Amino acid sequence: MIEFKQVIGRGTRLYEGKAYFTIYDFVKAHAHFSDPEWDGDPVEEEIGPMRPMGPIRPMPPAPPSDALPPRTKAKVRLADGKEPRSST
């Protein structure tokens, strides 16, 4: 619950130019962290006009695979001189 409240708290921090915030809870996490003392009374949602988004720019094309440099492996040595276990 503490981590959940920290995430919400960070979103509610105010700074110049921030007039509102929106919380998207796709997995209904709030239901697992019900705390009426902290949450307070429900507020009726006010739905206003949608703000237009800026222009959508297409992503640049990926370079051809033969234009990329060959991949190399990095060798990692831990501080105690041991090598990490392979993840494969």
C-alpha atoms as a PDB file:
ATOM      1  CA  MET A   1       0.000   0.000   0.000  1.00  0.00           C
ATOM      2  CA  ILE A   2       2.872   2.373   0.760  1.00  0.00           C
ATOM      3  CA  GLU A   3       4.323   2.073  -2.752  1.00  0.00           C
ATOM      4  CA  PHE A   4       0.865   2.566  -4.304  1.00  0.00           C
ATOM      5  CA  LYS A   5       0.342   5.747  -2.259  1.00  0.00           C
ATOM      6  CA  GLN A   6       3.805   7.012  -3.255  1.00  0.00           C
ATOM      7  CA  VAL A   7       3.003   6.550  -6.953  1.00  0.00           C
ATOM      8  CA  ILE A   8      -0.280   8.437  -6.571  1.00  0.00           C
ATOM      9  CA  GLY A   9       1.431  11.100  -4.466  1.00  0.00           C
ATOM     10  CA  ARG A  10       4.066  11.728  -7.116  1.00  0.00           C
ATOM     11  CA  GLY A  11       1.359  12.226  -9.705  1.00  0.00           C
ATOM     12  CA  THR A  12      -0.411  14.784  -7.528  1.00  0.00           C
ATOM     13  CA  ARG A  13       2.630  17.016  -7.031  1.00  0.00           C
ATOM     14  CA  LEU A  14       2.026  20.470  -8.394  1.00  0.00           C
ATOM     15  CA  TYR A  15       4.387  22.569 -10.442  1.00  0.00           C
ATOM     16  CA  GLU A  16       4.015  25.655 -12.619  1.00  0.00           C
ATOM     17  CA  GLY A  17       1.812  24.928 -15.607  1.00  0.00           C
ATOM     18  CA  LYS A  18       0.280  21.751 -14.158  1.00  0.00           C
ATOM     19  CA  ALA A  19      -3.439  22.305 -13.739  1.00  0.00           C
ATOM     20  CA  TYR A  20      -4.646  18.696 -13.452  1.00  0.00           C
ATOM     21  CA  PHE A  21      -3.588  15.071 -13.535  1.00  0.00           C
ATOM     22  CA  THR A  22      -5.181  11.823 -14.622  1.00  0.00           C
ATOM     23  CA  ILE A  23      -4.693   8.392 -13.103  1.00  0.00           C
ATOM     24  CA  TYR A  24      -5.289   5.394 -15.373  1.00  0.00           C
ATOM     25  CA  ASP A  25      -5.857   2.258 -13.302  1.00  0.00           C
ATOM     26  CA  PHE A  26      -6.114  -0.446 -15.957  1.00  0.00           C
ATOM     27  CA  VAL A  27      -5.838  -3.306 -13.470  1.00  0.00           C
ATOM     28  CA  LYS A  28      -8.111  -1.840 -10.767  1.00  0.00           C
ATOM     29  CA  ALA A  29      -5.233  -1.685  -8.288  1.00  0.00           C
ATOM     30  CA  HIS A  30      -7.159   0.830  -6.192  1.00  0.00           C
ATOM     31  CA  ALA A  31      -9.550  -1.952  -5.148  1.00  0.00           C
ATOM     32  CA  HIS A  32      -6.680  -3.744  -3.381  1.00  0.00           C
ATOM     33  CA  PHE A  33      -5.610  -0.628  -1.490  1.00  0.00           C
ATOM     34  CA  SER A  34      -8.889   0.758  -0.196  1.00  0.00           C
ATOM     35  CA  ASP A  35      -8.185   3.213   2.626  1.00  0.00           C
ATOM     36  CA  PRO A  36     -11.158   5.597   3.160  1.00  0.00           C
ATOM     37  CA  GLU A  37      -9.197   7.669   5.704  1.00  0.00           C
ATOM     38  CA  TRP A  38      -6.483   8.404   3.113  1.00  0.00           C
ATOM     39  CA  ASP A  39      -8.671   8.441  -0.013  1.00  0.00           C
ATOM     40  CA  GLY A  40     -11.304  10.829   1.319  1.00  0.00           C
ATOM     41  CA  ASP A  41     -14.798  11.157  -0.117  1.00  0.00           C
ATOM     42  CA  PRO A  42     -15.432  10.408  -3.802  1.00  0.00           C
ATOM     43  CA  VAL A  43     -15.454  13.396  -6.131  1.00  0.00           C
ATOM     44  CA  GLU A  44     -17.896  13.577  -9.016  1.00  0.00           C
ATOM     45  CA  GLU A  45     -15.944  13.472 -12.269  1.00  0.00           C
ATOM     46  CA  GLU A  46     -16.274  16.547 -14.448  1.00  0.00           C
ATOM     47  CA  ILE A  47     -15.812  15.675 -18.094  1.00  0.00           C
ATOM     48  CA  GLY A  48     -14.826  18.672 -20.173  1.00  0.00           C
ATOM     49  CA  PRO A  49     -14.003  19.068 -23.820  1.00  0.00           C
ATOM     50  CA  MET A  50     -11.136  16.985 -25.139  1.00  0.00           C
ATOM     51  CA  ARG A  51      -7.959  18.893 -25.868  1.00  0.00           C
ATOM     52  CA  PRO A  52      -6.627  18.339 -29.375  1.00  0.00           C
ATOM     53  CA  MET A  53      -3.409  16.384 -29.707  1.00  0.00           C
ATOM     54  CA  GLY A  54      -0.499  17.723 -31.692  1.00  0.00           C
ATOM     55  CA  PRO A  55       0.263  16.383 -35.140  1.00  0.00           C
ATOM     56  CA  ILE A  56       1.179  12.712 -35.285  1.00  0.00           C
ATOM     57  CA  ARG A  57       4.536  12.287 -36.964  1.00  0.00           C
ATOM     58  CA  PRO A  58       5.404   8.969 -38.582  1.00  0.00           C
ATOM     59  CA  MET A  59       8.413   7.113 -37.227  1.00  0.00           C
ATOM     60  CA  PRO A  60      11.499   7.272 -39.420  1.00  0.00           C
ATOM     61  CA  PRO A  61      12.219   4.059 -41.310  1.00  0.00           C
ATOM     62  CA  ALA A  62      14.644   1.634 -39.689  1.00  0.00           C
ATOM     63  CA  PRO A  63      18.066   1.482 -41.305  1.00  0.00           C
ATOM     64  CA  PRO A  64      18.725  -1.629 -43.393  1.00  0.00           C
ATOM     65  CA  SER A  65      20.324  -4.426 -41.389  1.00  0.00           C
ATOM     66  CA  ASP A  66      23.483  -4.330 -43.529  1.00  0.00           C
ATOM     67  CA  ALA A  67      23.974  -0.654 -42.566  1.00  0.00           C
ATOM     68  CA  LEU A  68      24.273  -1.509 -38.872  1.00  0.00           C
ATOM     69  CA  PRO A  69      27.650  -2.303 -37.295  1.00  0.00           C
ATOM     70  CA  PRO A  70      28.185  -5.947 -36.312  1.00  0.00           C
ATOM     71  CA  ARG A  71      27.049  -6.833 -32.805  1.00  0.00           C
ATOM     72  CA  THR A  72      29.734  -7.541 -30.232  1.00  0.00           C
ATOM     73  CA  LYS A  73      29.556  -9.163 -26.834  1.00  0.00           C
ATOM     74  CA  ALA A  74      30.572  -7.280 -23.738  1.00  0.00           C
ATOM     75  CA  LYS A  75      32.520  -9.219 -21.133  1.00  0.00           C
ATOM     76  CA  VAL A  76      31.613  -8.294 -17.564  1.00  0.00           C
ATOM     77  CA  ARG A  77      33.915  -8.935 -14.640  1.00  0.00           C
ATOM     78  CA  LEU A  78      32.515  -8.507 -11.145  1.00  0.00           C
ATOM     79  CA  ALA A  79      34.411  -6.674  -8.421  1.00  0.00           C
ATOM     80  CA  ASP A  80      35.465  -9.920  -6.703  1.00  0.00           C
ATOM     81  CA  GLY A  81      37.028 -11.210  -9.944  1.00  0.00           C
ATOM     82  CA  LYS A  82      34.223 -13.672 -10.685  1.00  0.00           C
ATOM     83  CA  GLU A  83      32.332 -13.666 -13.946  1.00  0.00           C
ATOM     84  CA  PRO A  84      28.519 -13.490 -13.954  1.00  0.00           C
ATOM     85  CA  ARG A  85      26.551 -16.604 -14.841  1.00  0.00           C
ATOM     86  CA  SER A  86      25.305 -16.806 -18.393  1.00  0.00           C
ATOM     87  CA  SER A  87      21.625 -15.910 -18.836  1.00  0.00           C
ATOM     88  CA  THR A  88      21.192 -18.420 -21.681  1.00  0.00           C
END
